[in-house]
Protein backbone atom coordinates (compact mmCIF):
# COMPACT_ATOMS: atom_id res chain seq x y z
CA MET A 1 195.12 -215.89 76.78
CA GLU A 2 192.49 -213.31 77.78
CA LYS A 3 189.61 -215.80 77.64
CA THR A 4 191.66 -218.32 79.60
CA ILE A 5 192.21 -215.78 82.37
CA GLU A 6 188.49 -214.98 82.39
CA TRP A 7 187.79 -218.70 82.78
CA LEU A 8 190.19 -218.97 85.73
CA LEU A 9 188.55 -215.96 87.39
CA GLU A 10 185.07 -217.50 87.41
CA ASP A 11 183.50 -217.79 90.85
CA ASN A 12 183.02 -221.57 90.84
CA ASN A 13 186.62 -222.17 91.94
CA PRO A 14 187.53 -219.42 94.44
CA ALA A 15 190.97 -220.92 95.16
CA VAL A 16 192.02 -220.77 91.52
CA LYS A 17 190.50 -217.30 91.22
CA TYR A 18 192.45 -216.10 94.27
CA ASN A 19 195.74 -217.60 93.06
CA THR A 20 195.28 -216.25 89.54
CA LEU A 21 194.75 -212.73 90.84
CA LYS A 22 197.79 -212.96 93.12
CA ASN A 23 200.28 -215.04 91.14
CA ILE A 24 199.49 -214.46 87.46
CA LEU A 25 197.95 -210.99 87.33
CA TYR A 26 199.94 -209.79 90.39
CA ILE A 27 197.01 -207.81 91.78
CA ASN A 28 197.35 -206.48 95.31
CA LEU A 29 194.04 -207.40 96.88
CA LEU A 30 192.51 -205.31 99.62
CA PRO A 31 192.25 -207.16 102.97
CA GLU A 32 188.47 -207.44 102.69
CA GLU A 33 188.73 -208.81 99.13
CA GLU A 34 191.31 -211.37 100.20
CA ASN A 35 189.26 -212.45 103.22
CA THR A 36 186.14 -212.85 101.08
CA LEU A 37 187.95 -215.08 98.59
CA LYS A 38 189.56 -217.18 101.31
CA HIS A 39 186.22 -217.60 103.06
CA GLY A 40 184.69 -218.67 99.76
CA ILE A 41 187.25 -221.47 99.49
CA SER A 42 185.91 -223.05 102.69
CA LEU A 43 182.33 -222.95 101.38
CA ASN A 44 183.08 -224.76 98.12
CA ASP A 45 183.91 -228.35 97.31
CA PRO A 46 186.24 -230.12 97.55
CA VAL A 47 187.44 -228.15 100.62
CA LYS A 48 184.02 -228.13 102.28
CA SER A 49 183.59 -231.90 101.96
CA ILE A 50 187.13 -232.69 103.18
CA ILE A 51 186.64 -230.50 106.27
CA GLU A 52 183.41 -232.33 107.05
CA LEU A 53 185.18 -235.65 106.54
CA ILE A 54 188.18 -235.08 108.82
CA ASN A 55 185.96 -234.05 111.69
CA THR A 56 184.09 -237.33 111.69
CA ASP A 57 187.27 -238.94 113.08
CA THR A 58 188.33 -238.70 116.71
CA PRO A 59 191.25 -236.35 117.39
CA GLY A 60 193.78 -237.95 119.70
CA ASN A 61 193.46 -241.39 118.11
CA GLU A 62 197.01 -242.03 116.91
CA ASN A 63 195.98 -244.45 114.17
CA ILE A 64 194.01 -241.87 112.18
CA TYR A 65 197.14 -239.73 111.76
CA SER A 66 199.29 -242.38 110.12
CA TYR A 67 200.48 -242.27 106.52
CA ASN A 68 198.25 -245.21 105.67
CA PRO A 69 195.74 -245.79 104.22
CA VAL A 70 197.40 -243.80 101.46
CA TYR A 71 195.35 -240.76 100.30
CA LYS A 72 192.55 -241.56 102.77
CA SER A 73 194.14 -241.05 106.19
CA MET A 74 193.85 -237.88 108.24
CA PHE A 75 197.34 -236.84 107.17
CA TRP A 76 196.44 -236.82 103.49
CA GLN A 77 193.20 -234.92 104.06
CA LEU A 78 195.10 -232.17 105.88
CA TYR A 79 197.65 -232.05 103.08
CA PHE A 80 194.95 -231.86 100.41
CA LEU A 81 193.27 -229.02 102.30
CA SER A 82 196.53 -227.05 102.40
CA VAL A 83 197.21 -227.28 98.67
CA LEU A 84 193.56 -226.60 97.84
CA GLY A 85 193.80 -223.21 99.54
CA ALA A 86 192.26 -223.84 102.95
CA THR A 87 193.67 -221.91 105.90
CA VAL A 88 193.77 -222.62 109.62
CA THR A 89 191.43 -219.69 110.12
CA ILE A 90 188.77 -222.09 108.83
CA PRO A 91 187.17 -223.75 111.87
CA LEU A 92 188.02 -227.41 112.57
CA ILE A 93 191.42 -227.54 110.81
CA ASP A 94 193.82 -226.34 113.52
CA LEU A 95 192.96 -229.03 116.10
CA PRO A 96 193.44 -232.05 113.79
CA LEU A 97 196.68 -230.55 112.49
CA LYS A 98 198.07 -230.02 115.99
CA GLU A 99 197.07 -233.60 116.86
CA PHE A 100 198.86 -234.81 113.73
CA THR A 101 202.12 -233.10 114.70
CA LYS A 102 201.86 -234.39 118.27
CA ASN A 103 201.20 -238.00 117.26
CA MET A 104 203.27 -238.34 114.12
CA GLN A 105 206.51 -236.38 114.54
CA SER A 106 209.57 -238.31 115.66
CA ALA A 107 211.99 -237.05 118.29
CA LYS A 108 214.39 -236.23 115.43
CA GLY A 109 211.80 -234.02 113.75
CA SER A 110 210.82 -236.25 110.81
CA PHE A 111 207.35 -237.37 109.71
CA PRO A 112 205.83 -239.86 110.06
CA SER A 113 207.30 -241.45 113.20
CA ILE A 114 205.62 -244.84 112.79
CA GLY A 115 204.73 -247.27 110.03
CA ARG A 116 206.43 -248.53 106.89
CA TYR A 117 207.38 -245.12 105.50
CA LYS A 118 208.91 -243.60 108.63
CA GLY A 119 212.33 -242.00 108.58
CA SER A 120 214.12 -239.96 105.98
CA LEU A 121 211.92 -240.19 102.90
CA ASN A 122 212.55 -236.83 101.23
CA CYS A 123 209.18 -236.77 99.49
CA MET A 124 207.32 -237.20 102.78
CA GLN A 125 209.37 -234.57 104.60
CA GLY A 126 208.85 -232.08 101.78
CA ILE A 127 205.11 -232.75 101.61
CA VAL A 128 204.65 -232.23 105.35
CA LEU A 129 206.81 -229.09 105.39
CA GLU A 130 204.84 -227.67 102.47
CA MET A 131 201.59 -228.34 104.33
CA LEU A 132 202.78 -226.70 107.55
CA LEU A 133 204.05 -223.61 105.74
CA LEU A 134 200.92 -223.26 103.59
CA PHE A 135 198.92 -223.31 106.82
CA GLY A 136 201.17 -220.56 108.20
CA TYR A 137 203.10 -222.47 110.88
CA PHE A 138 206.42 -220.80 110.15
CA LYS A 139 207.90 -220.48 113.63
CA ASP A 140 206.22 -223.34 115.52
CA ASP A 141 208.53 -225.89 117.10
CA PHE A 142 207.22 -228.77 114.99
CA THR A 143 208.02 -226.84 111.79
CA VAL A 144 211.46 -225.72 112.96
CA ASN A 145 212.33 -229.26 114.06
CA LEU A 146 211.22 -230.70 110.71
CA LEU A 147 213.20 -228.07 108.80
CA ASN A 148 216.31 -228.83 110.84
CA PHE A 149 215.86 -232.55 110.17
CA ILE A 150 215.54 -231.96 106.42
CA ASN A 151 218.61 -229.75 106.23
CA ASP A 152 220.68 -232.22 108.24
CA ASP A 153 219.47 -235.21 106.23
CA ILE A 154 220.14 -233.56 102.85
CA TYR A 155 223.59 -232.50 104.04
CA LYS A 156 224.37 -236.14 104.90
CA ASN A 157 222.49 -238.04 102.19
CA ASP A 158 221.99 -235.58 99.30
CA PHE A 159 218.41 -236.59 98.28
CA ARG A 160 219.25 -240.31 98.14
CA CYS A 161 216.30 -242.66 98.66
CA ARG A 162 216.20 -246.29 99.79
CA TYR A 163 213.24 -246.91 97.48
CA LYS A 164 215.32 -245.70 94.52
CA GLN A 165 218.31 -248.02 94.93
CA ASN A 166 219.93 -245.26 97.00
CA LEU A 167 220.08 -242.97 93.96
CA LYS A 168 219.25 -239.28 94.26
CA CYS A 169 215.51 -238.85 93.94
CA PRO A 170 214.13 -235.95 91.87
CA TRP A 171 210.65 -236.41 93.33
CA GLY A 172 211.96 -235.88 96.85
CA ALA A 173 214.11 -232.94 95.75
CA THR A 174 211.09 -231.34 94.07
CA LYS A 175 208.90 -231.68 97.16
CA ILE A 176 211.57 -230.17 99.39
CA LEU A 177 212.31 -227.33 96.96
CA LYS A 178 208.59 -226.49 96.71
CA ALA A 179 208.38 -226.28 100.48
CA LEU A 180 211.53 -224.20 100.92
CA ASN A 181 210.23 -221.74 98.32
CA LEU A 182 207.45 -220.92 100.80
CA LEU A 183 209.85 -219.80 103.52
CA PRO A 184 210.22 -216.02 103.92
CA GLU A 185 213.79 -214.89 103.30
CA SER A 186 214.11 -213.89 106.96
CA LEU A 187 213.48 -217.48 108.09
CA LYS A 188 215.56 -219.45 105.60
CA GLY A 189 218.93 -219.35 107.33
CA ASN A 190 222.17 -220.63 105.86
CA ASP A 191 221.31 -224.32 106.15
CA SER A 192 217.98 -223.93 104.35
CA ILE A 193 219.60 -221.84 101.62
CA LYS A 194 222.23 -224.57 101.11
CA THR A 195 219.49 -227.23 100.85
CA LEU A 196 217.52 -225.11 98.41
CA GLU A 197 220.56 -224.47 96.22
CA LYS A 198 221.49 -228.15 96.29
CA ALA A 199 217.97 -229.08 95.13
CA LYS A 200 218.09 -226.49 92.33
CA LYS A 201 221.50 -227.65 91.14
CA PHE A 202 220.43 -231.29 91.04
CA LEU A 203 217.06 -230.73 89.34
CA ILE A 204 218.23 -228.21 86.76
CA SER A 205 221.28 -230.22 85.68
CA HIS A 206 219.19 -232.86 83.88
CA ASP A 207 216.89 -232.82 80.86
CA ILE A 208 213.63 -232.00 82.62
CA ALA A 209 211.44 -232.49 79.56
CA GLU A 210 212.77 -236.05 79.27
CA ALA A 211 212.79 -236.63 83.05
CA ASN A 212 216.32 -237.90 82.51
CA TYR A 213 217.19 -238.38 86.18
CA PRO A 214 219.24 -241.18 87.80
CA ARG A 215 217.39 -244.51 87.76
CA LYS A 216 217.95 -248.24 87.50
CA LYS A 217 214.35 -249.10 86.66
CA THR A 218 211.94 -247.96 83.97
CA ARG A 219 211.16 -244.23 83.99
CA SER A 220 207.75 -243.53 85.50
CA SER A 221 205.06 -242.43 83.03
CA ARG A 222 203.69 -240.08 85.71
CA TRP A 223 206.44 -237.60 84.86
CA PHE A 224 204.53 -236.76 81.68
CA HIS A 225 200.96 -236.73 83.02
CA PHE A 226 200.04 -233.43 84.68
CA SER A 227 198.01 -233.91 87.85
CA PHE A 228 196.68 -232.19 90.95
CA PRO A 229 196.71 -232.83 93.82
CA ARG A 230 199.69 -235.14 93.72
CA GLY A 231 201.00 -237.76 96.10
CA ILE A 232 204.64 -238.68 96.60
CA TRP A 233 205.39 -238.55 92.86
CA SER A 234 206.13 -235.47 90.79
CA ASP A 235 205.65 -234.45 87.16
CA ILE A 236 207.35 -232.08 84.75
CA LEU A 237 204.92 -229.28 85.56
CA GLU A 238 205.48 -229.46 89.32
CA LEU A 239 209.26 -229.76 88.99
CA THR A 240 209.53 -226.87 86.54
CA GLY A 241 207.21 -224.73 88.66
CA ALA A 242 209.36 -225.34 91.74
CA LEU A 243 212.53 -224.32 89.88
CA VAL A 244 210.88 -221.19 88.45
CA ASP A 245 209.61 -220.23 91.92
CA ALA A 246 213.20 -220.64 93.11
CA GLY A 247 214.39 -218.06 90.57
CA CYS A 248 215.22 -220.12 87.47
CA ASN A 249 214.02 -218.98 84.05
CA LYS A 250 214.09 -219.69 80.32
CA LYS A 251 217.76 -218.66 80.02
CA ASN A 252 218.65 -222.14 81.22
CA SER A 253 218.38 -224.64 78.35
CA ASN A 254 216.79 -227.39 80.44
CA ILE A 255 214.20 -224.94 81.81
CA LYS A 256 213.54 -223.68 78.28
CA LYS A 257 212.89 -227.22 77.01
CA ALA A 258 210.57 -227.90 79.95
CA LEU A 259 208.63 -224.69 79.32
CA ASP A 260 208.30 -225.63 75.66
CA TYR A 261 206.96 -229.01 76.75
CA ILE A 262 204.41 -227.41 79.08
CA MET A 263 203.31 -224.97 76.38
CA CYS A 264 202.80 -227.77 73.87
CA LYS A 265 200.34 -229.44 76.23
CA LYS A 266 197.71 -226.70 75.94
CA ASN A 267 194.68 -227.20 73.72
CA SER A 268 193.18 -224.86 71.10
CA LYS A 269 191.39 -222.93 73.86
CA ASN A 270 194.68 -222.31 75.72
CA ARG A 271 193.70 -224.65 78.53
CA TRP A 272 195.43 -227.68 80.01
CA ARG A 273 193.91 -231.05 80.93
CA MET A 274 194.07 -233.11 84.11
CA GLU A 275 195.98 -236.10 82.73
CA TYR A 276 196.29 -238.12 85.92
CA SER A 277 193.97 -238.02 88.91
CA LEU A 278 193.61 -239.35 92.44
CA ASN A 279 189.84 -239.36 92.01
CA GLY A 280 188.50 -242.60 93.40
CA LYS A 281 191.62 -243.01 95.56
CA MET A 282 191.06 -239.98 97.77
CA PRO A 283 187.68 -239.58 99.52
CA VAL A 284 186.70 -236.41 97.62
CA ASP A 285 187.19 -235.90 93.89
CA VAL A 286 188.99 -232.86 92.44
CA GLU A 287 187.86 -231.96 88.92
CA LYS A 288 187.72 -234.74 86.29
CA LYS A 289 190.47 -236.76 84.69
CA ASN A 290 191.14 -235.98 81.00
CA ASN A 291 188.98 -232.84 81.17
CA GLU A 292 190.14 -229.24 80.99
CA SER A 293 191.45 -228.36 84.44
CA LYS A 294 191.45 -224.96 86.08
CA TRP A 295 194.11 -226.13 88.53
CA ILE A 296 196.49 -227.45 85.88
CA THR A 297 195.87 -224.41 83.69
CA TYR A 298 196.62 -222.11 86.61
CA PHE A 299 199.89 -223.87 87.46
CA ALA A 300 200.97 -223.95 83.81
CA LEU A 301 200.25 -220.26 83.23
CA LYS A 302 201.85 -219.23 86.52
CA THR A 303 205.05 -221.04 85.59
CA LEU A 304 205.10 -219.73 82.02
CA VAL A 305 204.46 -216.14 83.12
CA LYS A 306 206.85 -216.10 86.07
CA SER A 307 209.67 -217.52 83.95
CA ASN A 308 209.14 -214.74 81.37
CA PHE A 309 208.36 -217.39 78.76
CA LEU A 310 204.87 -215.96 78.22
CA LYS A 311 203.39 -212.47 78.51
CA ILE A 312 199.81 -211.95 79.71
């Protein structure tokens, strides 16, 4: 895997380089090194182009903060920036994000407050919480209110989704688990810990490699196509990564099968491909579909290493 690591550490993708150093090699970066890498993220595409794009809209216009048009609205651009490694220290991100929370959060704490997908969609709540925490808004009222809404909703409804015939939704559970993994231990609280444990128990109790979760319709093929960034759906790589980040490892048989599945996806160069892409649907492309992907390779290696399935 040495050459794969060298490939991930190339300068043309500073976000992957930064994450590889921190989360695969476990290197403690000096503050100046970390700041240089984070600054480099803002100077490179796709982050640079998305930042330019969101600031052509008019903050304060409620319509631009809605969920729709899917993958093209202000909301989605802010989410993409968060998962691509941008930070609110980058100019021109904080204001649109604050406008988003002001315009789109309901009185109950959920997102979005208007439109077709308002209410208790677990996937949406998890995606927004992940974005807010990645941007560092841990103690802000809008984050606390959203977290309280999620914990209360999961306590009452247990990941059930009206778009899934009221069955428990593994996509929603994955998104919420990913977000809760970002919370520092000091901020989790009993309710968040209960939600996290409930998500783990549900997700790990099924055959992950087969995506054998409750359903009445045909199983989505997207489970088996690794992608980044994702929308409301999940895949085996994201789900397994969320469980591993939550403390699960190869000792569990379903985790072991999922890790085997992820490992089998690598090519002869120990790299993974982008099998599904939002390119053409979102305003700015991220890598190329069906090509070797630094993002997918990073996520795969991080999960394999952290679970003790693979040694680097």
